[in-house]
Amino acid sequence: MPDHDRIEGAARNLGGKAKEAAGKVTGDEKLKAEGKADQISGKIQNAVGGVKDSLRDNRN
């Protein structure tokens, strides 16, 4: 089972993409920047979860 961080990171990344798209459509630069930041945060969280998965798999 994937680590909780991977699931949460993927969700944050997708939410960030939606926010960025909404910012582009509405011309809201702040919303667009928040979306990009959420995507980066999600990718980092996903990577942390991947490391945790690897460590857990290596123990078994």
PDB file of N, CA and C in Angstrom:
ATOM      1  N   MET A   1       0.847  -1.184   0.000  1.00  0.00           N
ATOM      2  CA  MET A   1       0.000   0.000   0.000  1.00  0.00           C
ATOM      3  C   MET A   1       0.892   1.247   0.000  1.00  0.00           C
ATOM      4  N   PRO A   2       0.599   2.210  -0.880  1.00  0.00           N
ATOM      5  CA  PRO A   2       1.436   3.405  -0.941  1.00  0.00           C
ATOM      6  C   PRO A   2       1.343   4.229   0.345  1.00  0.00           C
ATOM      7  N   ASP A   3       2.429   4.905   0.623  1.00  0.00           N
ATOM      8  CA  ASP A   3       2.500   5.761   1.799  1.00  0.00           C
ATOM      9  C   ASP A   3       1.472   6.889   1.702  1.00  0.00           C
ATOM     10  N   HIS A   4       0.963   7.303   2.840  1.00  0.00           N
ATOM     11  CA  HIS A   4      -0.039   8.374   2.906  1.00  0.00           C
ATOM     12  C   HIS A   4       0.480   9.663   2.258  1.00  0.00           C
ATOM     13  N   ASP A   5       1.782   9.928   2.394  1.00  0.00           N
ATOM     14  CA  ASP A   5       2.363  11.133   1.798  1.00  0.00           C
ATOM     15  C   ASP A   5       2.265  11.114   0.280  1.00  0.00           C
ATOM     16  N   ARG A   6       2.391   9.956  -0.308  1.00  0.00           N
ATOM     17  CA  ARG A   6       2.299   9.863  -1.774  1.00  0.00           C
ATOM     18  C   ARG A   6       0.899  10.205  -2.246  1.00  0.00           C
ATOM     19  N   ILE A   7      -0.097   9.707  -1.541  1.00  0.00           N
ATOM     20  CA  ILE A   7      -1.484   9.965  -1.921  1.00  0.00           C
ATOM     21  C   ILE A   7      -1.817  11.437  -1.736  1.00  0.00           C
ATOM     22  N   GLU A   8      -1.435  11.971  -0.576  1.00  0.00           N
ATOM     23  CA  GLU A   8      -1.699  13.376  -0.290  1.00  0.00           C
ATOM     24  C   GLU A   8      -0.940  14.286  -1.251  1.00  0.00           C
ATOM     25  N   GLY A   9       0.294  13.939  -1.562  1.00  0.00           N
ATOM     26  CA  GLY A   9       1.104  14.730  -2.489  1.00  0.00           C
ATOM     27  C   GLY A   9       0.497  14.765  -3.882  1.00  0.00           C
ATOM     28  N   ALA A  10       0.017  13.623  -4.333  1.00  0.00           N
ATOM     29  CA  ALA A  10      -0.607  13.566  -5.657  1.00  0.00           C
ATOM     30  C   ALA A  10      -1.874  14.411  -5.691  1.00  0.00           C
ATOM     31  N   ALA A  11      -2.647  14.351  -4.609  1.00  0.00           N
ATOM     32  CA  ALA A  11      -3.874  15.153  -4.541  1.00  0.00           C
ATOM     33  C   ALA A  11      -3.547  16.648  -4.520  1.00  0.00           C
ATOM     34  N   ARG A  12      -2.518  17.024  -3.774  1.00  0.00           N
ATOM     35  CA  ARG A  12      -2.122  18.433  -3.708  1.00  0.00           C
ATOM     36  C   ARG A  12      -1.624  18.917  -5.074  1.00  0.00           C
ATOM     37  N   ASN A  13      -0.900  18.053  -5.762  1.00  0.00           N
ATOM     38  CA  ASN A  13      -0.404  18.392  -7.093  1.00  0.00           C
ATOM     39  C   ASN A  13      -1.571  18.638  -8.054  1.00  0.00           C
ATOM     40  N   LEU A  14      -2.556  17.741  -8.025  1.00  0.00           N
ATOM     41  CA  LEU A  14      -3.725  17.906  -8.904  1.00  0.00           C
ATOM     42  C   LEU A  14      -4.516  19.158  -8.551  1.00  0.00           C
ATOM     43  N   GLY A  15      -4.686  19.410  -7.259  1.00  0.00           N
ATOM     44  CA  GLY A  15      -5.378  20.612  -6.826  1.00  0.00           C
ATOM     45  C   GLY A  15      -4.647  21.865  -7.277  1.00  0.00           C
ATOM     46  N   GLY A  16      -3.331  21.803  -7.226  1.00  0.00           N
ATOM     47  CA  GLY A  16      -2.521  22.929  -7.678  1.00  0.00           C
ATOM     48  C   GLY A  16      -2.679  23.191  -9.166  1.00  0.00           C
ATOM     49  N   LYS A  17      -2.768  22.117  -9.935  1.00  0.00           N
ATOM     50  CA  LYS A  17      -2.977  22.278 -11.379  1.00  0.00           C
ATOM     51  C   LYS A  17      -4.329  22.938 -11.654  1.00  0.00           C
ATOM     52  N   ALA A  18      -5.341  22.539 -10.887  1.00  0.00           N
ATOM     53  CA  ALA A  18      -6.667  23.139 -11.060  1.00  0.00           C
ATOM     54  C   ALA A  18      -6.649  24.610 -10.670  1.00  0.00           C
ATOM     55  N   LYS A  19      -5.962  24.921  -9.568  1.00  0.00           N
ATOM     56  CA  LYS A  19      -5.852  26.315  -9.125  1.00  0.00           C
ATOM     57  C   LYS A  19      -5.130  27.167 -10.160  1.00  0.00           C
ATOM     58  N   GLU A  20      -4.048  26.630 -10.684  1.00  0.00           N
ATOM     59  CA  GLU A  20      -3.280  27.365 -11.691  1.00  0.00           C
ATOM     60  C   GLU A  20      -4.138  27.613 -12.928  1.00  0.00           C
ATOM     61  N   ALA A  21      -4.872  26.601 -13.358  1.00  0.00           N
ATOM     62  CA  ALA A  21      -5.741  26.759 -14.531  1.00  0.00           C
ATOM     63  C   ALA A  21      -6.825  27.790 -14.273  1.00  0.00           C
ATOM     64  N   ALA A  22      -7.401  27.758 -13.070  1.00  0.00           N
ATOM     65  CA  ALA A  22      -8.434  28.748 -12.725  1.00  0.00           C
ATOM     66  C   ALA A  22      -7.832  30.157 -12.716  1.00  0.00           C
ATOM     67  N   GLY A  23      -6.630  30.272 -12.217  1.00  0.00           N
ATOM     68  CA  GLY A  23      -5.954  31.570 -12.214  1.00  0.00           C
ATOM     69  C   GLY A  23      -5.691  32.083 -13.613  1.00  0.00           C
ATOM     70  N   LYS A  24      -5.331  31.188 -14.520  1.00  0.00           N
ATOM     71  CA  LYS A  24      -5.103  31.581 -15.913  1.00  0.00           C
ATOM     72  C   LYS A  24      -6.398  32.056 -16.563  1.00  0.00           C
ATOM     73  N   VAL A  25      -7.474  31.323 -16.318  1.00  0.00           N
ATOM     74  CA  VAL A  25      -8.763  31.659 -16.932  1.00  0.00           C
ATOM     75  C   VAL A  25      -9.288  33.000 -16.425  1.00  0.00           C
ATOM     76  N   THR A  26      -9.154  33.211 -15.120  1.00  0.00           N
ATOM     77  CA  THR A  26      -9.698  34.440 -14.529  1.00  0.00           C
ATOM     78  C   THR A  26      -8.716  35.605 -14.562  1.00  0.00           C
ATOM     79  N   GLY A  27      -7.470  35.328 -14.914  1.00  0.00           N
ATOM     80  CA  GLY A  27      -6.461  36.383 -14.928  1.00  0.00           C
ATOM     81  C   GLY A  27      -5.955  36.723 -13.530  1.00  0.00           C
ATOM     82  N   ASP A  28      -6.178  35.833 -12.581  1.00  0.00           N
ATOM     83  CA  ASP A  28      -5.771  36.045 -11.189  1.00  0.00           C
ATOM     84  C   ASP A  28      -4.354  35.495 -11.003  1.00  0.00           C
ATOM     85  N   GLU A  29      -3.379  36.395 -11.003  1.00  0.00           N
ATOM     86  CA  GLU A  29      -1.979  35.975 -10.900  1.00  0.00           C
ATOM     87  C   GLU A  29      -1.671  35.335  -9.546  1.00  0.00           C
ATOM     88  N   LYS A  30      -2.327  35.807  -8.487  1.00  0.00           N
ATOM     89  CA  LYS A  30      -2.096  35.247  -7.154  1.00  0.00           C
ATOM     90  C   LYS A  30      -2.561  33.790  -7.108  1.00  0.00           C
ATOM     91  N   LEU A  31      -3.735  33.524  -7.638  1.00  0.00           N
ATOM     92  CA  LEU A  31      -4.268  32.165  -7.663  1.00  0.00           C
ATOM     93  C   LEU A  31      -3.375  31.258  -8.510  1.00  0.00           C
ATOM     94  N   LYS A  32      -2.902  31.785  -9.607  1.00  0.00           N
ATOM     95  CA  LYS A  32      -2.009  31.036 -10.494  1.00  0.00           C
ATOM     96  C   LYS A  32      -0.709  30.675  -9.753  1.00  0.00           C
ATOM     97  N   ALA A  33      -0.145  31.630  -9.022  1.00  0.00           N
ATOM     98  CA  ALA A  33       1.084  31.385  -8.267  1.00  0.00           C
ATOM     99  C   ALA A  33       0.845  30.384  -7.143  1.00  0.00           C
ATOM    100  N   GLU A  34      -0.301  30.493  -6.468  1.00  0.00           N
ATOM    101  CA  GLU A  34      -0.634  29.526  -5.416  1.00  0.00           C
ATOM    102  C   GLU A  34      -0.734  28.120  -5.990  1.00  0.00           C
ATOM    103  N   GLY A  35      -1.306  28.011  -7.173  1.00  0.00           N
ATOM    104  CA  GLY A  35      -1.416  26.710  -7.825  1.00  0.00           C
ATOM    105  C   GLY A  35      -0.063  26.112  -8.127  1.00  0.00           C
ATOM    106  N   LYS A  36       0.853  26.932  -8.618  1.00  0.00           N
ATOM    107  CA  LYS A  36       2.206  26.438  -8.907  1.00  0.00           C
ATOM    108  C   LYS A  36       2.903  26.003  -7.620  1.00  0.00           C
ATOM    109  N   ALA A  37       2.728  26.786  -6.555  1.00  0.00           N
ATOM    110  CA  ALA A  37       3.338  26.445  -5.271  1.00  0.00           C
ATOM    111  C   ALA A  37       2.761  25.129  -4.731  1.00  0.00           C
ATOM    112  N   ASP A  38       1.449  24.949  -4.873  1.00  0.00           N
ATOM    113  CA  ASP A  38       0.819  23.702  -4.431  1.00  0.00           C
ATOM    114  C   ASP A  38       1.357  22.508  -5.213  1.00  0.00           C
ATOM    115  N   GLN A  39       1.602  22.703  -6.497  1.00  0.00           N
ATOM    116  CA  GLN A  39       2.132  21.615  -7.315  1.00  0.00           C
ATOM    117  C   GLN A  39       3.525  21.213  -6.842  1.00  0.00           C
ATOM    118  N   ILE A  40       4.361  22.208  -6.564  1.00  0.00           N
ATOM    119  CA  ILE A  40       5.721  21.919  -6.095  1.00  0.00           C
ATOM    120  C   ILE A  40       5.668  21.202  -4.751  1.00  0.00           C
ATOM    121  N   SER A  41       4.837  21.703  -3.868  1.00  0.00           N
ATOM    122  CA  SER A  41       4.677  21.087  -2.552  1.00  0.00           C
ATOM    123  C   SER A  41       4.191  19.643  -2.684  1.00  0.00           C
ATOM    124  N   GLY A  42       3.241  19.417  -3.579  1.00  0.00           N
ATOM    125  CA  GLY A  42       2.727  18.071  -3.810  1.00  0.00           C
ATOM    126  C   GLY A  42       3.779  17.134  -4.358  1.00  0.00           C
ATOM    127  N   LYS A  43       4.609  17.632  -5.263  1.00  0.00           N
ATOM    128  CA  LYS A  43       5.666  16.796  -5.839  1.00  0.00           C
ATOM    129  C   LYS A  43       6.690  16.414  -4.776  1.00  0.00           C
ATOM    130  N   ILE A  44       7.020  17.365  -3.898  1.00  0.00           N
ATOM    131  CA  ILE A  44       7.973  17.081  -2.825  1.00  0.00           C
ATOM    132  C   ILE A  44       7.386  16.056  -1.868  1.00  0.00           C
ATOM    133  N   GLN A  45       6.134  16.244  -1.487  1.00  0.00           N
ATOM    134  CA  GLN A  45       5.482  15.317  -0.560  1.00  0.00           C
ATOM    135  C   GLN A  45       5.392  13.929  -1.177  1.00  0.00           C
ATOM    136  N   ASN A  46       5.119  13.864  -2.470  1.00  0.00           N
ATOM    137  CA  ASN A  46       5.052  12.587  -3.174  1.00  0.00           C
ATOM    138  C   ASN A  46       6.416  11.907  -3.149  1.00  0.00           C
ATOM    139  N   ALA A  47       7.479  12.682  -3.351  1.00  0.00           N
ATOM    140  CA  ALA A  47       8.834  12.126  -3.333  1.00  0.00           C
ATOM    141  C   ALA A  47       9.179  11.586  -1.949  1.00  0.00           C
ATOM    142  N   VAL A  48       8.803  12.317  -0.904  1.00  0.00           N
ATOM    143  CA  VAL A  48       9.043  11.850   0.465  1.00  0.00           C
ATOM    144  C   VAL A  48       8.320  10.520   0.691  1.00  0.00           C
ATOM    145  N   GLY A  49       7.095  10.442   0.227  1.00  0.00           N
ATOM    146  CA  GLY A  49       6.344   9.188   0.352  1.00  0.00           C
ATOM    147  C   GLY A  49       7.012   8.053  -0.401  1.00  0.00           C
ATOM    148  N   GLY A  50       7.589   8.368  -1.561  1.00  0.00           N
ATOM    149  CA  GLY A  50       8.299   7.352  -2.334  1.00  0.00           C
ATOM    150  C   GLY A  50       9.505   6.815  -1.587  1.00  0.00           C
ATOM    151  N   VAL A  51      10.229   7.703  -0.914  1.00  0.00           N
ATOM    152  CA  VAL A  51      11.381   7.282  -0.123  1.00  0.00           C
ATOM    153  C   VAL A  51      10.912   6.387   1.028  1.00  0.00           C
ATOM    154  N   LYS A  52       9.831   6.791   1.687  1.00  0.00           N
ATOM    155  CA  LYS A  52       9.293   5.977   2.778  1.00  0.00           C
ATOM    156  C   LYS A  52       8.879   4.595   2.269  1.00  0.00           C
ATOM    157  N   ASP A  53       8.255   4.556   1.089  1.00  0.00           N
ATOM    158  CA  ASP A  53       7.870   3.271   0.503  1.00  0.00           C
ATOM    159  C   ASP A  53       9.102   2.398   0.259  1.00  0.00           C
ATOM    160  N   SER A  54      10.151   3.002  -0.286  1.00  0.00           N
ATOM    161  CA  SER A  54      11.375   2.256  -0.576  1.00  0.00           C
ATOM    162  C   SER A  54      11.996   1.701   0.695  1.00  0.00           C
ATOM    163  N   LEU A  55      12.030   2.527   1.728  1.00  0.00           N
ATOM    164  CA  LEU A  55      12.606   2.076   2.991  1.00  0.00           C
ATOM    165  C   LEU A  55      11.779   0.939   3.585  1.00  0.00           C
ATOM    166  N   ARG A  56      10.468   1.058   3.498  1.00  0.00           N
ATOM    167  CA  ARG A  56       9.605   0.023   4.038  1.00  0.00           C
ATOM    168  C   ARG A  56       9.769  -1.274   3.237  1.00  0.00           C
ATOM    169  N   ASP A  57       9.866  -1.159   1.900  1.00  0.00           N
ATOM    170  CA  ASP A  57      10.051  -2.347   1.064  1.00  0.00           C
ATOM    171  C   ASP A  57      11.385  -3.032   1.323  1.00  0.00           C
ATOM    172  N   ASN A  58      12.420  -2.248   1.610  1.00  0.00           N
ATOM    173  CA  ASN A  58      13.737  -2.825   1.861  1.00  0.00           C
ATOM    174  C   ASN A  58      13.806  -3.570   3.191  1.00  0.00           C
ATOM    175  N   ARG A  59      12.947  -3.183   4.134  1.00  0.00           N
ATOM    176  CA  ARG A  59      12.921  -3.868   5.431  1.00  0.00           C
ATOM    177  C   ARG A  59      12.273  -5.239   5.315  1.00  0.00           C
ATOM    178  N   ASN A  60      11.410  -5.419   4.334  1.00  0.00           N
ATOM    179  CA  ASN A  60      10.668  -6.686   4.203  1.00  0.00           C
ATOM    180  C   ASN A  60      11.411  -7.670   3.370  1.00  0.00           C
TER     181      ASN A  60
END
